[in-house]
Amino acid sequence: MSEKSSSDLGQGNIFRLVMTFGLPAVIGLLINASYNFVDRIFVGNGVGAVGLGAIAVCFPCFVLQIALSMLAGVGGGVNFAVSLGQKRQFKAEYIMANAFVFVFGLGIVFVAVHAAFLRPLLRLYGASDDLMPAAVDYQRVLLFGTPFFMATGAMNNFIRASGYPRTAMLTMLIGAVSNTFFDWLFIFKLKYGIAGAAAATVIAQLLSFCWTILFFIRTCPYRFKIRYAVPNPKIIAIVVSVGTAPFLIQICNGFVQTVFNRTLTQYGGSLAVSVMGVTMATVMLMFMPGIGFCEGAQPIIGYNLGARKYKRVIKTYRTLILITTFIFSAAWLFLQFGSENVMCLFDPNNAEFIAVGSGALKIVGLSFPFVGVQLTTTYFLQGTKNPRMASFLSVSRQLLFLAPFIVFLPKYMGVEGVFYSLPCSDFAAFLIAVPIYLHQVSKYKKAALAENGI
């Protein structure tokens, strides 16, 4: 029996369902994001600012892995949930098997490309001469866990859509706890330095992957069947069509992080790169609750869309906006008063690092109260199979607004201009998201009336 039966998705209380599916997703994503956050804490205290800078340089690579994972995971998970809502279990299992083969294959290709061109790619990501040796040591080890990390992240979407949100959370918890333990062991006890931090992450990724495979073999009512794992271009195409929006969001994040690294090196040197690495890891951690509720609610949206219960689709959308806006407003308040304490976690003896970093966190969080509408609308468009509009909304924030701000603001404001580019782009994306929200609500209200013959 699943933790929440699929019939509840079509008739249970919306707020309770969002909490039931969202909270485990939030915890799971927070745990997943902690891989980089915890690595930075251990590396900052055990290696220093150079180690933090090296991880920041490798961050676009990590984001690209997440992007490919979400291409298969979110795209497959949404179609999987819609198929269950339509009572088509065969198609749901077929989508799941194809998505797994697809994402694992992408992971292998990713490893091959980065192993062959590691130094040029790290240079592209923003590595300076003084950061390159540590970045190579870190990323070279991380590549061993890449296919397993990507597959685990993708299949977690299917675990939630199968009705097991707490199991999805435990998948990430296993990885985070083991990662923390092995970070301590390899960095502080065995003195392996930054390569030890990477090895700890790889071991954690392997353990999470094994747990995921066991779930689909022993527990899940929707089984992974080998005969469905033969790649089908049509199935992969529908997975990619829905997964394109979150993929593009992450690709743009990776691109923007690369621009950040290169611009910061020009205006602030390696210290500024280290500060931005910690800032982005902190921001990512703060985004996870909002993303978690949005991802957790996608089975609810997908099921009710498939069942043509459009009023419940609208109610889920509105509930998510209220929840995410509250979360990001609380995050803004925390950053305004607690940013110095955050920076002290990473390099407590470096006064310049703490001063620059705490100022950066306060600036970056300025527009957080407006982020919820844009983020929720993007995920809602994914869940209702509107990938083009979702892609436009996500790309507009990163490419139409953020990238130009990063290029032009530092010319007039110096290194602070890089930090101010984030809240400026967030507010601009909010202005675009509002009319899209109004249009979507109107659209599904009309669909609900038509379904009732009015």
Protein backbone atom coordinates (compact mmCIF):
# COMPACT_ATOMS: atom_id res chain seq x y z
CA MET A 1 0.00 0.00 0.00
CA SER A 2 1.24 3.47 -0.79
CA GLU A 3 1.53 6.21 1.77
CA LYS A 4 -1.25 8.10 0.01
CA SER A 5 -3.57 6.35 -2.44
CA SER A 6 -4.06 7.88 -5.87
CA SER A 7 -7.82 8.28 -5.25
CA ASP A 8 -7.05 10.78 -2.48
CA LEU A 9 -5.38 13.04 -5.04
CA GLY A 10 -8.76 13.57 -6.70
CA GLN A 11 -10.86 14.18 -3.62
CA GLY A 12 -8.73 14.86 -0.52
CA ASN A 13 -8.29 18.29 1.09
CA ILE A 14 -5.91 20.29 -1.14
CA PHE A 15 -3.91 21.95 1.63
CA ARG A 16 -3.41 18.62 3.43
CA LEU A 17 -2.37 16.94 0.19
CA VAL A 18 0.14 19.71 -0.57
CA MET A 19 1.55 19.32 2.93
CA THR A 20 1.60 15.51 2.72
CA PHE A 21 3.43 15.46 -0.61
CA GLY A 22 5.28 18.74 -0.22
CA LEU A 23 6.92 18.43 3.19
CA PRO A 24 8.80 15.20 2.41
CA ALA A 25 9.84 16.70 -0.93
CA VAL A 26 11.06 19.83 0.89
CA ILE A 27 13.08 17.78 3.35
CA GLY A 28 14.45 15.61 0.56
CA LEU A 29 15.54 18.60 -1.52
CA LEU A 30 17.03 20.36 1.50
CA ILE A 31 19.00 17.22 2.19
CA ASN A 32 20.04 16.99 -1.46
CA ALA A 33 21.15 20.63 -1.53
CA SER A 34 23.13 20.02 1.63
CA TYR A 35 25.67 17.98 -0.38
CA ASN A 36 27.27 21.20 -1.64
CA PHE A 37 26.46 23.21 1.49
CA VAL A 38 28.03 20.68 3.86
CA ASP A 39 31.01 20.18 1.55
CA ARG A 40 31.62 23.92 1.66
CA ILE A 41 31.47 24.02 5.47
CA PHE A 42 33.98 21.19 5.82
CA VAL A 43 36.21 22.48 3.02
CA GLY A 44 36.08 26.06 4.33
CA ASN A 45 37.17 24.94 7.79
CA GLY A 46 39.59 22.23 6.63
CA VAL A 47 41.08 23.70 3.43
CA GLY A 48 40.22 27.41 3.42
CA ALA A 49 39.09 30.02 0.90
CA VAL A 50 40.94 28.38 -2.01
CA GLY A 51 38.95 25.19 -1.48
CA LEU A 52 35.70 27.18 -1.37
CA GLY A 53 36.67 28.89 -4.61
CA ALA A 54 37.39 25.53 -6.26
CA ILE A 55 33.94 24.22 -5.34
CA ALA A 56 32.37 27.41 -6.68
CA VAL A 57 34.17 26.85 -9.99
CA CYS A 58 32.82 23.28 -10.12
CA PHE A 59 29.29 24.40 -9.26
CA PRO A 60 28.16 24.90 -12.91
CA CYS A 61 29.09 21.26 -13.49
CA PHE A 62 26.91 20.20 -10.54
CA VAL A 63 24.03 22.34 -11.83
CA LEU A 64 24.32 20.73 -15.28
CA GLN A 65 23.96 17.28 -13.66
CA ILE A 66 20.81 18.46 -11.87
CA ALA A 67 19.48 19.86 -15.15
CA LEU A 68 19.85 16.54 -16.95
CA SER A 69 18.35 14.72 -13.99
CA MET A 70 15.31 17.02 -14.00
CA LEU A 71 14.92 16.67 -17.78
CA ALA A 72 14.17 12.97 -17.28
CA GLY A 73 12.79 13.08 -13.73
CA VAL A 74 10.33 15.97 -13.85
CA GLY A 75 9.36 15.25 -17.46
CA GLY A 76 8.85 11.57 -16.73
CA GLY A 77 7.20 12.15 -13.34
CA VAL A 78 4.54 14.52 -14.69
CA ASN A 79 3.60 12.15 -17.54
CA PHE A 80 3.68 9.24 -15.09
CA ALA A 81 1.21 11.03 -12.76
CA VAL A 82 -1.10 12.01 -15.62
CA SER A 83 -1.13 8.38 -16.86
CA LEU A 84 -2.09 7.15 -13.39
CA GLY A 85 -4.91 9.73 -13.30
CA GLN A 86 -6.11 8.28 -16.61
CA LYS A 87 -5.92 4.73 -15.13
CA ARG A 88 -3.24 3.69 -17.64
CA GLN A 89 -0.75 1.83 -15.45
CA PHE A 90 0.97 0.14 -18.39
CA LYS A 91 1.88 3.49 -19.93
CA ALA A 92 3.02 4.85 -16.54
CA GLU A 93 5.43 1.95 -16.03
CA TYR A 94 6.69 2.26 -19.59
CA ILE A 95 7.45 5.96 -19.05
CA MET A 96 9.27 5.21 -15.80
CA ALA A 97 11.54 2.55 -17.32
CA ASN A 98 12.41 4.69 -20.34
CA ALA A 99 13.15 7.70 -18.14
CA PHE A 100 15.59 5.65 -16.03
CA VAL A 101 17.52 4.34 -19.05
CA PHE A 102 17.53 7.81 -20.58
CA VAL A 103 18.95 9.59 -17.51
CA PHE A 104 21.56 6.92 -16.76
CA GLY A 105 22.75 7.10 -20.37
CA LEU A 106 22.99 10.88 -20.11
CA GLY A 107 25.09 10.42 -16.97
CA ILE A 108 27.58 8.19 -18.78
CA VAL A 109 27.90 10.67 -21.67
CA PHE A 110 28.39 13.50 -19.14
CA VAL A 111 31.26 11.62 -17.46
CA ALA A 112 32.95 10.82 -20.79
CA VAL A 113 32.86 14.45 -21.98
CA HIS A 114 34.10 15.91 -18.68
CA ALA A 115 36.81 13.28 -18.26
CA ALA A 116 38.15 14.07 -21.74
CA PHE A 117 37.97 17.87 -21.47
CA LEU A 118 38.08 18.56 -17.73
CA ARG A 119 40.61 21.42 -17.63
CA PRO A 120 39.17 23.36 -20.61
CA LEU A 121 35.67 22.99 -19.16
CA LEU A 122 36.78 24.17 -15.72
CA ARG A 123 38.46 27.13 -17.38
CA LEU A 124 35.15 27.82 -19.15
CA TYR A 125 33.32 27.60 -15.79
CA GLY A 126 35.57 30.37 -14.45
CA ALA A 127 38.63 28.67 -12.90
CA SER A 128 41.61 30.98 -12.48
CA ASP A 129 45.18 29.70 -12.36
CA ASP A 130 45.27 29.64 -8.55
CA LEU A 131 41.98 27.72 -8.27
CA MET A 132 42.56 25.22 -11.10
CA PRO A 133 44.58 22.52 -9.22
CA ALA A 134 42.04 22.20 -6.39
CA ALA A 135 39.11 22.31 -8.85
CA VAL A 136 40.61 19.46 -10.90
CA ASP A 137 41.20 17.35 -7.76
CA TYR A 138 37.59 17.90 -6.65
CA GLN A 139 35.77 17.41 -9.96
CA ARG A 140 37.84 14.44 -11.14
CA VAL A 141 36.69 12.38 -8.15
CA LEU A 142 33.09 13.61 -8.34
CA LEU A 143 32.69 12.21 -11.86
CA PHE A 144 32.66 8.64 -10.49
CA GLY A 145 29.27 9.23 -8.87
CA THR A 146 27.62 11.26 -11.65
CA PRO A 147 25.36 8.62 -13.32
CA PHE A 148 24.16 7.38 -9.92
CA PHE A 149 23.47 10.91 -8.64
CA MET A 150 21.49 11.82 -11.77
CA ALA A 151 19.48 8.59 -11.76
CA THR A 152 18.61 8.90 -8.08
CA GLY A 153 17.43 12.48 -8.50
CA ALA A 154 15.29 11.56 -11.51
CA MET A 155 13.70 8.47 -9.96
CA ASN A 156 12.79 10.38 -6.81
CA ASN A 157 10.07 12.07 -8.88
CA PHE A 158 8.56 8.65 -9.61
CA ILE A 159 8.75 7.62 -5.96
CA ARG A 160 6.66 10.68 -4.99
CA ALA A 161 4.24 10.20 -7.89
CA SER A 162 3.76 6.56 -6.82
CA GLY A 163 2.42 7.84 -3.48
CA TYR A 164 5.57 7.47 -1.33
CA PRO A 165 6.70 11.01 -0.47
CA ARG A 166 8.37 9.94 2.80
CA THR A 167 10.38 7.28 0.97
CA ALA A 168 11.60 9.94 -1.46
CA MET A 169 12.70 11.99 1.53
CA LEU A 170 14.56 9.04 3.06
CA THR A 171 16.43 8.53 -0.22
CA MET A 172 18.01 11.96 0.20
CA LEU A 173 18.43 11.60 3.97
CA ILE A 174 20.60 8.52 3.52
CA GLY A 175 22.87 10.43 1.15
CA ALA A 176 23.13 13.53 3.34
CA VAL A 177 23.91 11.71 6.59
CA SER A 178 26.54 9.51 4.96
CA ASN A 179 28.02 12.50 3.13
CA THR A 180 28.42 14.41 6.40
CA PHE A 181 30.05 11.44 8.12
CA PHE A 182 32.51 10.76 5.30
CA ASP A 183 33.32 14.48 4.96
CA TRP A 184 34.38 14.46 8.60
CA LEU A 185 36.32 11.21 8.16
CA PHE A 186 38.15 12.07 4.94
CA ILE A 187 38.89 15.77 5.59
CA PHE A 188 39.60 15.99 9.31
CA LYS A 189 40.68 12.46 10.26
CA LEU A 190 42.40 11.13 7.14
CA LYS A 191 43.51 14.58 5.85
CA TYR A 192 42.53 13.91 2.23
CA GLY A 193 41.64 17.57 1.65
CA ILE A 194 39.31 18.62 -1.13
CA ALA A 195 39.56 15.24 -2.88
CA GLY A 196 38.25 13.70 0.35
CA ALA A 197 35.18 15.95 0.20
CA ALA A 198 34.51 14.72 -3.34
CA ALA A 199 34.98 11.07 -2.32
CA ALA A 200 32.51 11.52 0.54
CA THR A 201 29.92 12.85 -1.90
CA VAL A 202 30.43 9.94 -4.31
CA ILE A 203 29.94 7.34 -1.56
CA ALA A 204 26.77 9.13 -0.43
CA GLN A 205 25.43 9.16 -3.98
CA LEU A 206 26.03 5.42 -4.39
CA LEU A 207 24.21 4.62 -1.14
CA SER A 208 21.19 6.72 -2.18
CA PHE A 209 21.13 5.01 -5.58
CA CYS A 210 21.13 1.53 -4.00
CA TRP A 211 18.24 2.50 -1.73
CA THR A 212 16.27 3.75 -4.75
CA ILE A 213 16.81 0.55 -6.72
CA LEU A 214 15.70 -1.57 -3.76
CA PHE A 215 12.48 0.46 -3.47
CA PHE A 216 11.50 -0.26 -7.06
CA ILE A 217 12.38 -3.94 -6.69
CA ARG A 218 10.70 -4.63 -3.35
CA THR A 219 8.09 -2.00 -2.47
CA CYS A 220 6.75 0.12 -5.32
CA PRO A 221 3.39 -1.06 -6.76
CA TYR A 222 4.49 0.25 -10.16
CA ARG A 223 7.38 -2.00 -11.07
CA PHE A 224 10.47 -1.33 -13.10
CA LYS A 225 10.23 -3.95 -15.87
CA ILE A 226 13.20 -4.77 -18.09
CA ARG A 227 11.01 -5.27 -21.16
CA TYR A 228 9.86 -1.63 -20.85
CA ALA A 229 13.44 -0.34 -20.60
CA VAL A 230 14.14 -0.54 -24.34
CA PRO A 231 14.36 3.14 -25.37
CA ASN A 232 11.26 4.29 -27.24
CA PRO A 233 11.77 7.59 -29.10
CA LYS A 234 8.11 8.58 -28.70
CA ILE A 235 8.14 8.01 -24.92
CA ILE A 236 11.45 9.85 -24.50
CA ALA A 237 10.06 12.70 -26.62
CA ILE A 238 7.07 13.24 -24.31
CA VAL A 239 9.38 13.05 -21.29
CA VAL A 240 11.71 15.65 -22.80
CA SER A 241 8.84 17.93 -23.87
CA VAL A 242 7.67 18.38 -20.26
CA GLY A 243 11.14 18.20 -18.71
CA THR A 244 12.52 20.94 -20.95
CA ALA A 245 11.39 23.79 -18.68
CA PRO A 246 13.16 22.65 -15.48
CA PHE A 247 16.12 21.58 -17.62
CA LEU A 248 16.40 25.07 -19.08
CA ILE A 249 16.03 26.64 -15.63
CA GLN A 250 19.04 24.68 -14.41
CA ILE A 251 21.04 25.17 -17.62
CA CYS A 252 20.51 28.89 -17.28
CA ASN A 253 21.55 28.65 -13.63
CA GLY A 254 24.76 26.96 -14.70
CA PHE A 255 25.37 29.52 -17.43
CA VAL A 256 24.72 32.39 -15.05
CA GLN A 257 27.02 30.85 -12.41
CA THR A 258 29.75 30.66 -15.05
CA VAL A 259 29.22 34.34 -15.91
CA PHE A 260 29.25 35.10 -12.18
CA ASN A 261 32.60 33.34 -11.72
CA ARG A 262 34.24 35.06 -14.65
CA THR A 263 32.88 38.52 -13.76
CA LEU A 264 33.77 38.14 -10.09
CA THR A 265 37.32 37.11 -11.00
CA GLN A 266 37.61 40.31 -13.04
CA TYR A 267 36.18 42.68 -10.40
CA GLY A 268 36.93 40.99 -7.07
CA GLY A 269 39.43 38.15 -7.54
CA SER A 270 39.38 34.69 -5.99
CA LEU A 271 37.91 35.92 -2.71
CA ALA A 272 34.81 37.22 -4.50
CA VAL A 273 34.44 33.87 -6.31
CA SER A 274 34.61 32.06 -2.95
CA VAL A 275 31.99 34.43 -1.49
CA MET A 276 29.63 33.93 -4.42
CA GLY A 277 30.04 30.16 -4.19
CA VAL A 278 28.89 30.23 -0.58
CA THR A 279 26.15 32.76 -1.41
CA MET A 280 24.73 30.61 -4.20
CA ALA A 281 24.86 27.47 -2.05
CA THR A 282 22.95 29.33 0.67
CA VAL A 283 20.41 30.71 -1.80
CA MET A 284 19.94 27.26 -3.31
CA LEU A 285 19.27 25.86 0.16
CA MET A 286 16.68 28.60 0.75
CA PHE A 287 14.99 27.89 -2.58
CA MET A 288 14.55 24.21 -1.74
CA PRO A 289 11.41 24.58 0.44
CA GLY A 290 9.62 26.49 -2.33
CA ILE A 291 10.77 24.07 -5.00
CA GLY A 292 9.91 21.11 -2.77
CA PHE A 293 6.29 22.18 -2.33
CA CYS A 294 6.00 22.85 -6.07
CA GLU A 295 7.52 19.47 -7.00
CA GLY A 296 5.54 17.66 -4.30
CA ALA A 297 2.29 19.13 -5.64
CA GLN A 298 2.92 18.06 -9.23
CA PRO A 299 1.35 14.60 -8.76
CA ILE A 300 -1.73 16.38 -7.36
CA ILE A 301 -1.88 18.75 -10.33
CA GLY A 302 -1.15 16.00 -12.86
CA TYR A 303 -3.70 13.57 -11.43
CA ASN A 304 -6.51 16.15 -11.29
CA LEU A 305 -5.64 17.42 -14.77
CA GLY A 306 -5.88 13.86 -16.08
CA ALA A 307 -9.18 13.38 -14.19
CA ARG A 308 -10.50 16.75 -15.52
CA LYS A 309 -11.05 18.16 -12.04
CA TYR A 310 -10.08 21.69 -13.00
CA LYS A 311 -11.33 23.44 -9.85
CA ARG A 312 -8.88 21.36 -7.84
CA VAL A 313 -6.12 22.26 -10.27
CA ILE A 314 -6.77 25.99 -9.66
CA LYS A 315 -7.00 25.54 -5.90
CA THR A 316 -3.68 23.70 -5.81
CA TYR A 317 -2.07 26.52 -7.80
CA ARG A 318 -3.33 29.23 -5.46
CA THR A 319 -2.38 27.24 -2.36
CA LEU A 320 1.16 26.85 -3.66
CA ILE A 321 1.54 30.59 -4.30
CA LEU A 322 0.52 31.40 -0.73
CA ILE A 323 2.91 28.80 0.71
CA THR A 324 5.92 29.80 -1.42
CA THR A 325 5.40 33.53 -0.84
CA PHE A 326 5.38 32.95 2.91
CA ILE A 327 8.55 30.81 2.69
CA PHE A 328 10.53 33.34 0.68
CA SER A 329 9.40 36.24 2.86
CA ALA A 330 10.72 34.36 5.89
CA ALA A 331 13.98 33.69 4.02
CA TRP A 332 14.33 37.42 3.27
CA LEU A 333 13.91 38.24 6.95
CA PHE A 334 16.52 35.67 7.94
CA LEU A 335 19.11 36.95 5.46
CA GLN A 336 18.72 40.55 6.61
CA PHE A 337 19.55 39.65 10.21
CA GLY A 338 21.47 36.36 10.08
CA SER A 339 23.80 36.63 7.08
CA GLU A 340 26.96 37.18 9.15
CA ASN A 341 26.28 34.02 11.16
CA VAL A 342 25.90 32.07 7.91
CA MET A 343 29.28 33.21 6.59
CA CYS A 344 30.97 32.34 9.92
CA LEU A 345 30.06 28.68 9.31
CA PHE A 346 32.45 28.50 6.37
CA ASP A 347 35.59 30.46 7.28
CA PRO A 348 35.22 31.91 10.80
CA ASN A 349 38.75 33.34 10.95
CA ASN A 350 38.62 35.31 7.70
CA ALA A 351 37.18 38.74 8.55
CA GLU A 352 37.22 40.03 4.95
CA PHE A 353 35.43 36.92 3.70
CA ILE A 354 32.72 37.32 6.37
CA ALA A 355 32.23 41.04 5.71
CA VAL A 356 31.94 40.71 1.92
CA GLY A 357 29.82 37.57 2.16
CA SER A 358 27.29 38.88 4.67
CA GLY A 359 26.77 41.98 2.54
CA ALA A 360 26.29 39.82 -0.55
CA LEU A 361 23.64 37.67 1.15
CA LYS A 362 21.65 40.72 2.24
CA ILE A 363 21.67 42.13 -1.28
CA VAL A 364 20.82 38.84 -3.01
CA GLY A 365 17.77 38.30 -0.77
CA LEU A 366 16.21 41.74 -1.33
CA SER A 367 13.49 40.57 -3.75
CA PHE A 368 12.78 37.18 -2.15
CA PRO A 369 9.16 38.11 -1.23
CA PHE A 370 8.36 38.31 -4.98
CA VAL A 371 9.97 35.00 -5.98
CA GLY A 372 7.09 32.71 -4.97
CA VAL A 373 4.74 33.77 -7.78
CA GLN A 374 7.33 33.26 -10.52
CA LEU A 375 8.61 29.94 -9.16
CA THR A 376 5.13 28.47 -8.57
CA THR A 377 3.88 29.57 -11.98
CA THR A 378 6.83 27.91 -13.71
CA TYR A 379 6.22 24.59 -11.94
CA PHE A 380 2.46 24.84 -12.47
CA LEU A 381 3.01 25.23 -16.21
CA GLN A 382 5.21 22.13 -16.14
CA GLY A 383 2.60 20.16 -14.20
CA THR A 384 -0.16 21.13 -16.65
CA LYS A 385 2.02 20.21 -19.65
CA ASN A 386 2.71 23.73 -20.93
CA PRO A 387 6.47 23.35 -21.46
CA ARG A 388 6.90 26.24 -23.90
CA MET A 389 5.36 28.83 -21.60
CA ALA A 390 7.22 27.40 -18.61
CA SER A 391 10.46 27.54 -20.57
CA PHE A 392 9.82 31.16 -21.56
CA LEU A 393 9.17 32.21 -17.96
CA SER A 394 12.25 30.44 -16.62
CA VAL A 395 14.57 31.57 -19.39
CA SER A 396 13.35 35.18 -19.23
CA ARG A 397 14.61 35.53 -15.66
CA GLN A 398 18.02 34.10 -16.41
CA LEU A 399 18.83 35.28 -19.92
CA LEU A 400 16.65 38.33 -20.59
CA PHE A 401 17.26 39.90 -17.18
CA LEU A 402 19.96 38.31 -15.04
CA ALA A 403 22.73 37.90 -17.62
CA PRO A 404 22.49 41.53 -18.86
CA PHE A 405 22.41 42.83 -15.28
CA ILE A 406 25.56 40.84 -14.48
CA VAL A 407 27.33 42.34 -17.47
CA PHE A 408 26.30 46.00 -17.01
CA LEU A 409 25.81 46.67 -13.28
CA PRO A 410 29.44 45.87 -12.26
CA LYS A 411 30.64 48.53 -14.70
CA TYR A 412 28.98 51.17 -12.52
CA MET A 413 28.87 49.50 -9.08
CA GLY A 414 31.92 47.25 -9.06
CA VAL A 415 31.66 43.82 -7.46
CA GLU A 416 28.44 44.81 -5.65
CA GLY A 417 26.79 45.13 -9.05
CA VAL A 418 27.12 41.36 -9.50
CA PHE A 419 25.20 40.79 -6.28
CA TYR A 420 22.50 43.37 -7.13
CA SER A 421 21.85 41.65 -10.46
CA LEU A 422 19.99 38.83 -8.70
CA PRO A 423 17.23 40.83 -6.93
CA CYS A 424 16.78 43.03 -10.01
CA SER A 425 16.16 40.01 -12.25
CA ASP A 426 13.87 38.35 -9.68
CA PHE A 427 11.60 41.39 -9.55
CA ALA A 428 11.51 41.67 -13.35
CA ALA A 429 10.51 37.98 -13.61
CA PHE A 430 7.75 38.59 -11.04
CA LEU A 431 6.25 41.30 -13.28
CA ILE A 432 6.05 38.79 -16.14
CA ALA A 433 4.65 35.96 -13.96
CA VAL A 434 1.63 37.90 -12.67
CA PRO A 435 -0.27 38.15 -16.00
CA ILE A 436 0.57 34.51 -16.76
CA TYR A 437 -0.93 33.52 -13.40
CA LEU A 438 -4.13 35.47 -14.15
CA HIS A 439 -4.39 33.86 -17.59
CA GLN A 440 -3.96 30.32 -16.22
CA VAL A 441 -6.62 30.79 -13.54
CA SER A 442 -9.05 32.17 -16.12
CA LYS A 443 -8.28 29.30 -18.51
CA TYR A 444 -9.04 26.55 -16.00
CA LYS A 445 -12.11 28.31 -14.66
CA LYS A 446 -13.52 28.23 -18.19
CA ALA A 447 -12.54 24.56 -18.53
CA ALA A 448 -14.32 23.76 -15.25
CA LEU A 449 -17.48 25.49 -16.46
CA ALA A 450 -17.34 23.65 -19.80
CA GLU A 451 -16.86 20.32 -17.99
CA ASN A 452 -20.03 20.99 -15.98
CA GLY A 453 -21.96 21.94 -19.11
CA ILE A 454 -22.32 25.60 -18.16
